[in-house]
Amino acid sequence: MKNPIQFSLRIVCASLLAWALVVPQSAIAQDHVITPSEIQKDLAASSAVRRKNQAQLESFVSSPEAQKALKSAHVDLVQVKSAISTLDDDELAQLSTRSENAKKDFAAGRISDRDLIIILLGVVALILIIVAVR
């Protein structure tokens, strides 16, 4: 009789081959829950939201009132704008929302020029602190 290890190995290989031929490939392959096109759509939507938030925040710090306030505080607008682009999505969304609310309140007369400048300098300081901490 031949070596029992060789015999056992042949039986295992034959069993694996038979199993591979009998079991349908669809049962082995994993179906993805999310399609690549859905992932692409989500990424595009996220990117669009980021661009919108960044544009809103840059618009806020580029307003004439903001430029005066930044100049009086000796803060470089270019530095602030470059810092804005390094914020993560959550930080950018929060600061963008705050800046839009301040602009709306100012337009509606609920806050004064002085209050808007204080809010603006607070937002700018927060941006610069977040970037400096990283």
N, C-alpha and C. Protein backbone atom coordinates (compact mmCIF):
# COMPACT_ATOMS: atom_id res chain seq x y z
N MET A 1 0.84 -1.17 0.00
CA MET A 1 0.00 0.00 0.00
C MET A 1 0.89 1.24 0.00
N LYS A 2 0.42 2.26 -0.68
CA LYS A 2 1.18 3.49 -0.79
C LYS A 2 1.13 4.27 0.52
N ASN A 3 1.88 5.32 0.54
CA ASN A 3 1.98 6.18 1.71
C ASN A 3 0.60 6.74 2.06
N PRO A 4 0.14 6.63 3.32
CA PRO A 4 -1.19 7.11 3.70
C PRO A 4 -1.31 8.63 3.62
N ILE A 5 -0.22 9.33 3.77
CA ILE A 5 -0.26 10.80 3.68
C ILE A 5 -0.57 11.21 2.25
N GLN A 6 0.06 10.55 1.27
CA GLN A 6 -0.21 10.86 -0.14
C GLN A 6 -1.65 10.55 -0.49
N PHE A 7 -2.14 9.44 0.02
CA PHE A 7 -3.52 9.05 -0.25
C PHE A 7 -4.50 10.08 0.33
N SER A 8 -4.25 10.53 1.56
CA SER A 8 -5.11 11.53 2.20
C SER A 8 -5.06 12.85 1.45
N LEU A 9 -3.88 13.21 1.00
CA LEU A 9 -3.71 14.45 0.26
C LEU A 9 -4.48 14.40 -1.05
N ARG A 10 -4.47 13.25 -1.72
CA ARG A 10 -5.22 13.10 -2.98
C ARG A 10 -6.72 13.22 -2.74
N ILE A 11 -7.18 12.64 -1.66
CA ILE A 11 -8.62 12.71 -1.35
C ILE A 11 -9.03 14.15 -1.05
N VAL A 12 -8.21 14.88 -0.30
CA VAL A 12 -8.51 16.27 0.03
C VAL A 12 -8.54 17.11 -1.24
N CYS A 13 -7.55 16.94 -2.11
CA CYS A 13 -7.50 17.71 -3.36
C CYS A 13 -8.70 17.39 -4.26
N ALA A 14 -9.05 16.12 -4.34
CA ALA A 14 -10.19 15.73 -5.16
C ALA A 14 -11.49 16.32 -4.59
N SER A 15 -11.60 16.34 -3.27
CA SER A 15 -12.80 16.90 -2.63
C SER A 15 -12.90 18.40 -2.89
N LEU A 16 -11.78 19.10 -2.78
CA LEU A 16 -11.78 20.54 -3.02
C LEU A 16 -12.12 20.85 -4.47
N LEU A 17 -11.60 20.06 -5.39
CA LEU A 17 -11.87 20.26 -6.81
C LEU A 17 -13.36 20.01 -7.10
N ALA A 18 -13.90 18.96 -6.53
CA ALA A 18 -15.31 18.67 -6.73
C ALA A 18 -16.19 19.76 -6.14
N TRP A 19 -15.84 20.25 -4.97
CA TRP A 19 -16.60 21.31 -4.34
C TRP A 19 -16.57 22.58 -5.19
N ALA A 20 -15.40 22.92 -5.74
CA ALA A 20 -15.25 24.12 -6.57
C ALA A 20 -16.08 24.02 -7.85
N LEU A 21 -16.23 22.82 -8.38
CA LEU A 21 -17.00 22.63 -9.60
C LEU A 21 -18.50 22.58 -9.35
N VAL A 22 -18.89 22.12 -8.19
CA VAL A 22 -20.31 21.93 -7.89
C VAL A 22 -20.95 23.21 -7.37
N VAL A 23 -20.27 23.94 -6.50
CA VAL A 23 -20.84 25.14 -5.89
C VAL A 23 -20.85 26.26 -6.94
N PRO A 24 -22.00 26.93 -7.15
CA PRO A 24 -22.06 28.01 -8.13
C PRO A 24 -21.20 29.19 -7.70
N GLN A 25 -20.60 29.83 -8.68
CA GLN A 25 -19.71 30.96 -8.40
C GLN A 25 -20.45 32.12 -7.74
N SER A 26 -21.73 32.27 -8.02
CA SER A 26 -22.49 33.36 -7.40
C SER A 26 -22.59 33.18 -5.89
N ALA A 27 -22.55 31.94 -5.43
CA ALA A 27 -22.61 31.69 -3.99
C ALA A 27 -21.29 32.03 -3.33
N ILE A 28 -20.20 31.92 -4.08
CA ILE A 28 -18.89 32.22 -3.53
C ILE A 28 -18.62 33.73 -3.58
N ALA A 29 -18.98 34.36 -4.70
CA ALA A 29 -18.72 35.79 -4.87
C ALA A 29 -19.61 36.59 -3.94
N GLN A 30 -19.05 37.65 -3.39
CA GLN A 30 -19.83 38.52 -2.52
C GLN A 30 -20.46 39.62 -3.36
N ASP A 31 -21.75 39.82 -3.15
CA ASP A 31 -22.43 40.92 -3.82
C ASP A 31 -22.22 42.18 -2.99
N HIS A 32 -21.83 43.26 -3.65
CA HIS A 32 -21.62 44.52 -2.96
C HIS A 32 -22.96 45.21 -2.72
N VAL A 33 -23.11 45.74 -1.53
CA VAL A 33 -24.35 46.40 -1.18
C VAL A 33 -24.43 47.76 -1.87
N ILE A 34 -23.29 48.45 -1.96
CA ILE A 34 -23.25 49.76 -2.60
C ILE A 34 -22.49 49.64 -3.91
N THR A 35 -23.09 50.14 -4.97
CA THR A 35 -22.46 50.07 -6.27
C THR A 35 -21.42 51.17 -6.41
N PRO A 36 -20.45 50.97 -7.28
CA PRO A 36 -19.43 52.01 -7.50
C PRO A 36 -20.04 53.34 -7.96
N SER A 37 -21.11 53.29 -8.73
CA SER A 37 -21.73 54.55 -9.17
C SER A 37 -22.36 55.30 -7.99
N GLU A 38 -22.92 54.58 -7.02
CA GLU A 38 -23.47 55.23 -5.83
C GLU A 38 -22.36 55.88 -5.00
N ILE A 39 -21.23 55.20 -4.91
CA ILE A 39 -20.08 55.76 -4.18
C ILE A 39 -19.61 57.03 -4.87
N GLN A 40 -19.55 56.98 -6.19
CA GLN A 40 -19.13 58.15 -6.95
C GLN A 40 -20.10 59.32 -6.75
N LYS A 41 -21.40 59.03 -6.75
CA LYS A 41 -22.39 60.08 -6.52
C LYS A 41 -22.22 60.71 -5.14
N ASP A 42 -22.00 59.86 -4.12
CA ASP A 42 -21.81 60.37 -2.77
C ASP A 42 -20.56 61.24 -2.67
N LEU A 43 -19.49 60.80 -3.31
CA LEU A 43 -18.26 61.60 -3.30
C LEU A 43 -18.45 62.94 -4.01
N ALA A 44 -19.17 62.93 -5.12
CA ALA A 44 -19.43 64.17 -5.86
C ALA A 44 -20.29 65.11 -5.02
N ALA A 45 -21.29 64.57 -4.35
CA ALA A 45 -22.15 65.40 -3.51
C ALA A 45 -21.37 65.99 -2.34
N SER A 46 -20.54 65.18 -1.72
CA SER A 46 -19.71 65.64 -0.61
C SER A 46 -18.75 66.73 -1.06
N SER A 47 -18.17 66.54 -2.22
CA SER A 47 -17.25 67.53 -2.77
C SER A 47 -17.97 68.84 -3.08
N ALA A 48 -19.17 68.75 -3.60
CA ALA A 48 -19.95 69.95 -3.91
C ALA A 48 -20.31 70.72 -2.63
N VAL A 49 -20.67 70.00 -1.59
CA VAL A 49 -21.00 70.64 -0.31
C VAL A 49 -19.77 71.34 0.26
N ARG A 50 -18.61 70.67 0.16
CA ARG A 50 -17.37 71.26 0.66
C ARG A 50 -17.05 72.55 -0.11
N ARG A 51 -17.16 72.50 -1.45
CA ARG A 51 -16.88 73.69 -2.26
C ARG A 51 -17.83 74.84 -1.90
N LYS A 52 -19.11 74.52 -1.67
CA LYS A 52 -20.10 75.54 -1.31
C LYS A 52 -19.75 76.16 0.04
N ASN A 53 -19.43 75.33 1.03
CA ASN A 53 -19.07 75.83 2.35
C ASN A 53 -17.81 76.68 2.30
N GLN A 54 -16.84 76.22 1.53
CA GLN A 54 -15.59 76.97 1.42
C GLN A 54 -15.84 78.33 0.75
N ALA A 55 -16.66 78.34 -0.29
CA ALA A 55 -16.97 79.59 -0.99
C ALA A 55 -17.71 80.56 -0.07
N GLN A 56 -18.65 80.05 0.74
CA GLN A 56 -19.39 80.89 1.67
C GLN A 56 -18.46 81.53 2.71
N LEU A 57 -17.57 80.72 3.24
CA LEU A 57 -16.65 81.22 4.26
C LEU A 57 -15.66 82.22 3.67
N GLU A 58 -15.16 81.93 2.48
CA GLU A 58 -14.24 82.86 1.82
C GLU A 58 -14.94 84.17 1.47
N SER A 59 -16.19 84.08 1.07
CA SER A 59 -16.97 85.28 0.79
C SER A 59 -17.14 86.13 2.05
N PHE A 60 -17.37 85.48 3.16
CA PHE A 60 -17.54 86.17 4.43
C PHE A 60 -16.27 86.93 4.82
N VAL A 61 -15.11 86.29 4.71
CA VAL A 61 -13.86 86.95 5.11
C VAL A 61 -13.36 87.92 4.05
N SER A 62 -13.95 87.88 2.85
CA SER A 62 -13.53 88.79 1.78
C SER A 62 -14.41 90.03 1.67
N SER A 63 -15.44 90.12 2.47
CA SER A 63 -16.34 91.28 2.40
C SER A 63 -15.56 92.55 2.77
N PRO A 64 -16.03 93.71 2.32
CA PRO A 64 -15.34 94.96 2.65
C PRO A 64 -15.19 95.18 4.16
N GLU A 65 -16.24 94.86 4.91
CA GLU A 65 -16.17 95.01 6.37
C GLU A 65 -15.09 94.10 6.95
N ALA A 66 -15.04 92.86 6.42
CA ALA A 66 -14.06 91.90 6.91
C ALA A 66 -12.64 92.36 6.57
N GLN A 67 -12.45 92.88 5.38
CA GLN A 67 -11.11 93.33 4.98
C GLN A 67 -10.63 94.46 5.88
N LYS A 68 -11.55 95.38 6.24
CA LYS A 68 -11.19 96.47 7.16
C LYS A 68 -10.80 95.90 8.53
N ALA A 69 -11.63 94.96 9.02
CA ALA A 69 -11.37 94.37 10.33
C ALA A 69 -10.05 93.59 10.34
N LEU A 70 -9.81 92.84 9.29
CA LEU A 70 -8.58 92.07 9.20
C LEU A 70 -7.36 92.99 9.14
N LYS A 71 -7.50 94.07 8.38
CA LYS A 71 -6.39 95.03 8.26
C LYS A 71 -6.11 95.67 9.61
N SER A 72 -7.16 96.04 10.35
CA SER A 72 -6.95 96.67 11.66
C SER A 72 -6.38 95.68 12.68
N ALA A 73 -6.65 94.39 12.50
CA ALA A 73 -6.12 93.37 13.40
C ALA A 73 -4.78 92.82 12.91
N HIS A 74 -4.28 93.35 11.79
CA HIS A 74 -3.01 92.93 11.19
C HIS A 74 -3.00 91.44 10.84
N VAL A 75 -4.10 90.99 10.25
CA VAL A 75 -4.23 89.60 9.81
C VAL A 75 -4.25 89.59 8.29
N ASP A 76 -3.46 88.71 7.70
CA ASP A 76 -3.33 88.62 6.24
C ASP A 76 -4.50 87.80 5.67
N LEU A 77 -5.25 88.41 4.74
CA LEU A 77 -6.40 87.74 4.12
C LEU A 77 -5.96 86.49 3.37
N VAL A 78 -4.81 86.53 2.71
CA VAL A 78 -4.31 85.37 1.97
C VAL A 78 -4.05 84.20 2.93
N GLN A 79 -3.50 84.51 4.09
CA GLN A 79 -3.24 83.47 5.09
C GLN A 79 -4.56 82.85 5.57
N VAL A 80 -5.56 83.69 5.78
CA VAL A 80 -6.86 83.20 6.23
C VAL A 80 -7.48 82.30 5.17
N LYS A 81 -7.44 82.75 3.91
CA LYS A 81 -8.03 81.94 2.83
C LYS A 81 -7.30 80.61 2.66
N SER A 82 -5.99 80.60 2.80
CA SER A 82 -5.27 79.33 2.68
C SER A 82 -5.57 78.43 3.87
N ALA A 83 -5.79 79.03 5.04
CA ALA A 83 -6.16 78.24 6.22
C ALA A 83 -7.54 77.63 6.06
N ILE A 84 -8.45 78.35 5.41
CA ILE A 84 -9.81 77.84 5.19
C ILE A 84 -9.75 76.55 4.37
N SER A 85 -8.90 76.51 3.38
CA SER A 85 -8.84 75.32 2.52
C SER A 85 -8.29 74.09 3.24
N THR A 86 -7.65 74.28 4.40
CA THR A 86 -7.10 73.13 5.13
C THR A 86 -8.05 72.59 6.20
N LEU A 87 -9.17 73.26 6.42
CA LEU A 87 -10.13 72.78 7.41
C LEU A 87 -10.77 71.48 6.95
N ASP A 88 -11.12 70.62 7.90
CA ASP A 88 -11.83 69.41 7.50
C ASP A 88 -13.30 69.74 7.24
N ASP A 89 -14.03 68.79 6.70
CA ASP A 89 -15.40 69.03 6.26
C ASP A 89 -16.32 69.51 7.39
N ASP A 90 -16.19 68.91 8.58
CA ASP A 90 -17.07 69.29 9.70
C ASP A 90 -16.77 70.71 10.17
N GLU A 91 -15.48 71.03 10.32
CA GLU A 91 -15.11 72.38 10.75
C GLU A 91 -15.57 73.42 9.72
N LEU A 92 -15.37 73.08 8.47
CA LEU A 92 -15.75 73.99 7.40
C LEU A 92 -17.27 74.22 7.40
N ALA A 93 -18.03 73.17 7.59
CA ALA A 93 -19.49 73.28 7.61
C ALA A 93 -19.97 74.14 8.79
N GLN A 94 -19.38 73.92 9.96
CA GLN A 94 -19.79 74.69 11.14
C GLN A 94 -19.47 76.17 10.98
N LEU A 95 -18.26 76.47 10.54
CA LEU A 95 -17.87 77.88 10.39
C LEU A 95 -18.65 78.55 9.26
N SER A 96 -18.92 77.81 8.21
CA SER A 96 -19.70 78.35 7.10
C SER A 96 -21.12 78.70 7.57
N THR A 97 -21.71 77.83 8.35
CA THR A 97 -23.05 78.08 8.89
C THR A 97 -23.05 79.31 9.79
N ARG A 98 -22.05 79.42 10.64
CA ARG A 98 -21.96 80.58 11.53
C ARG A 98 -21.80 81.87 10.74
N SER A 99 -20.97 81.82 9.71
CA SER A 99 -20.74 83.05 8.92
C SER A 99 -22.00 83.44 8.15
N GLU A 100 -22.71 82.47 7.62
CA GLU A 100 -23.96 82.77 6.90
C GLU A 100 -25.01 83.33 7.84
N ASN A 101 -25.10 82.78 9.03
CA ASN A 101 -26.06 83.31 10.02
C ASN A 101 -25.71 84.74 10.39
N ALA A 102 -24.42 85.03 10.55
CA ALA A 102 -24.00 86.39 10.89
C ALA A 102 -24.33 87.35 9.74
N LYS A 103 -24.10 86.92 8.50
CA LYS A 103 -24.43 87.78 7.35
C LYS A 103 -25.92 88.06 7.29
N LYS A 104 -26.74 87.04 7.52
CA LYS A 104 -28.20 87.22 7.50
C LYS A 104 -28.65 88.14 8.62
N ASP A 105 -28.09 87.94 9.81
CA ASP A 105 -28.46 88.80 10.94
C ASP A 105 -28.07 90.25 10.68
N PHE A 106 -26.90 90.45 10.07
CA PHE A 106 -26.45 91.81 9.74
C PHE A 106 -27.37 92.44 8.71
N ALA A 107 -27.72 91.67 7.67
CA ALA A 107 -28.60 92.19 6.61
C ALA A 107 -29.98 92.51 7.17
N ALA A 108 -30.44 91.75 8.15
CA ALA A 108 -31.77 91.99 8.73
C ALA A 108 -31.74 93.07 9.81
N GLY A 109 -30.54 93.55 10.14
CA GLY A 109 -30.43 94.61 11.14
C GLY A 109 -30.42 94.11 12.57
N ARG A 110 -30.29 92.82 12.77
CA ARG A 110 -30.28 92.26 14.13
C ARG A 110 -28.94 92.44 14.83
N ILE A 111 -27.87 92.65 14.05
CA ILE A 111 -26.57 92.92 14.65
C ILE A 111 -25.96 94.15 13.98
N SER A 112 -25.10 94.83 14.71
CA SER A 112 -24.49 96.06 14.21
C SER A 112 -23.18 95.75 13.48
N ASP A 113 -22.60 96.80 12.89
CA ASP A 113 -21.30 96.66 12.24
C ASP A 113 -20.26 96.14 13.23
N ARG A 114 -20.29 96.70 14.41
CA ARG A 114 -19.33 96.31 15.45
C ARG A 114 -19.48 94.82 15.79
N ASP A 115 -20.72 94.37 15.94
CA ASP A 115 -20.97 92.96 16.25
C ASP A 115 -20.48 92.06 15.12
N LEU A 116 -20.73 92.48 13.89
CA LEU A 116 -20.29 91.69 12.73
C LEU A 116 -18.78 91.58 12.71
N ILE A 117 -18.09 92.67 13.02
CA ILE A 117 -16.63 92.65 13.04
C ILE A 117 -16.12 91.73 14.14
N ILE A 118 -16.76 91.76 15.28
CA ILE A 118 -16.36 90.88 16.39
C ILE A 118 -16.56 89.42 15.99
N ILE A 119 -17.70 89.12 15.38
CA ILE A 119 -17.98 87.75 14.93
C ILE A 119 -16.95 87.34 13.89
N LEU A 120 -16.68 88.22 12.95
CA LEU A 120 -15.71 87.93 11.89
C LEU A 120 -14.34 87.64 12.48
N LEU A 121 -13.88 88.49 13.39
CA LEU A 121 -12.57 88.26 13.99
C LEU A 121 -12.55 86.97 14.81
N GLY A 122 -13.67 86.64 15.43
CA GLY A 122 -13.76 85.37 16.16
C GLY A 122 -13.66 84.18 15.22
N VAL A 123 -14.35 84.25 14.08
CA VAL A 123 -14.29 83.17 13.09
C VAL A 123 -12.88 83.04 12.54
N VAL A 124 -12.25 84.17 12.21
CA VAL A 124 -10.88 84.15 11.68
C VAL A 124 -9.92 83.58 12.72
N ALA A 125 -10.06 84.01 13.96
CA ALA A 125 -9.19 83.48 15.02
C ALA A 125 -9.38 81.98 15.18
N LEU A 126 -10.61 81.53 15.12
CA LEU A 126 -10.89 80.11 15.24
C LEU A 126 -10.26 79.33 14.09
N ILE A 127 -10.37 79.86 12.87
CA ILE A 127 -9.75 79.20 11.71
C ILE A 127 -8.25 79.08 11.91
N LEU A 128 -7.62 80.17 12.30
CA LEU A 128 -6.16 80.16 12.47
C LEU A 128 -5.72 79.25 13.63
N ILE A 129 -6.53 79.20 14.68
CA ILE A 129 -6.20 78.32 15.82
C ILE A 129 -6.31 76.85 15.41
N ILE A 130 -7.38 76.50 14.70
CA ILE A 130 -7.57 75.11 14.25
C ILE A 130 -6.39 74.68 13.39
N VAL A 131 -6.00 75.53 12.48
CA VAL A 131 -4.89 75.19 11.57
C VAL A 131 -3.57 75.10 12.34
N ALA A 132 -3.36 76.01 13.31
CA ALA A 132 -2.12 76.01 14.09
C ALA A 132 -2.00 74.77 14.99
N VAL A 133 -3.13 74.29 15.49
CA VAL A 133 -3.11 73.13 16.38
C VAL A 133 -2.72 71.85 15.64
N ARG A 134 -3.08 71.79 14.39
CA ARG A 134 -2.74 70.60 13.60
C ARG A 134 -1.27 70.58 13.40
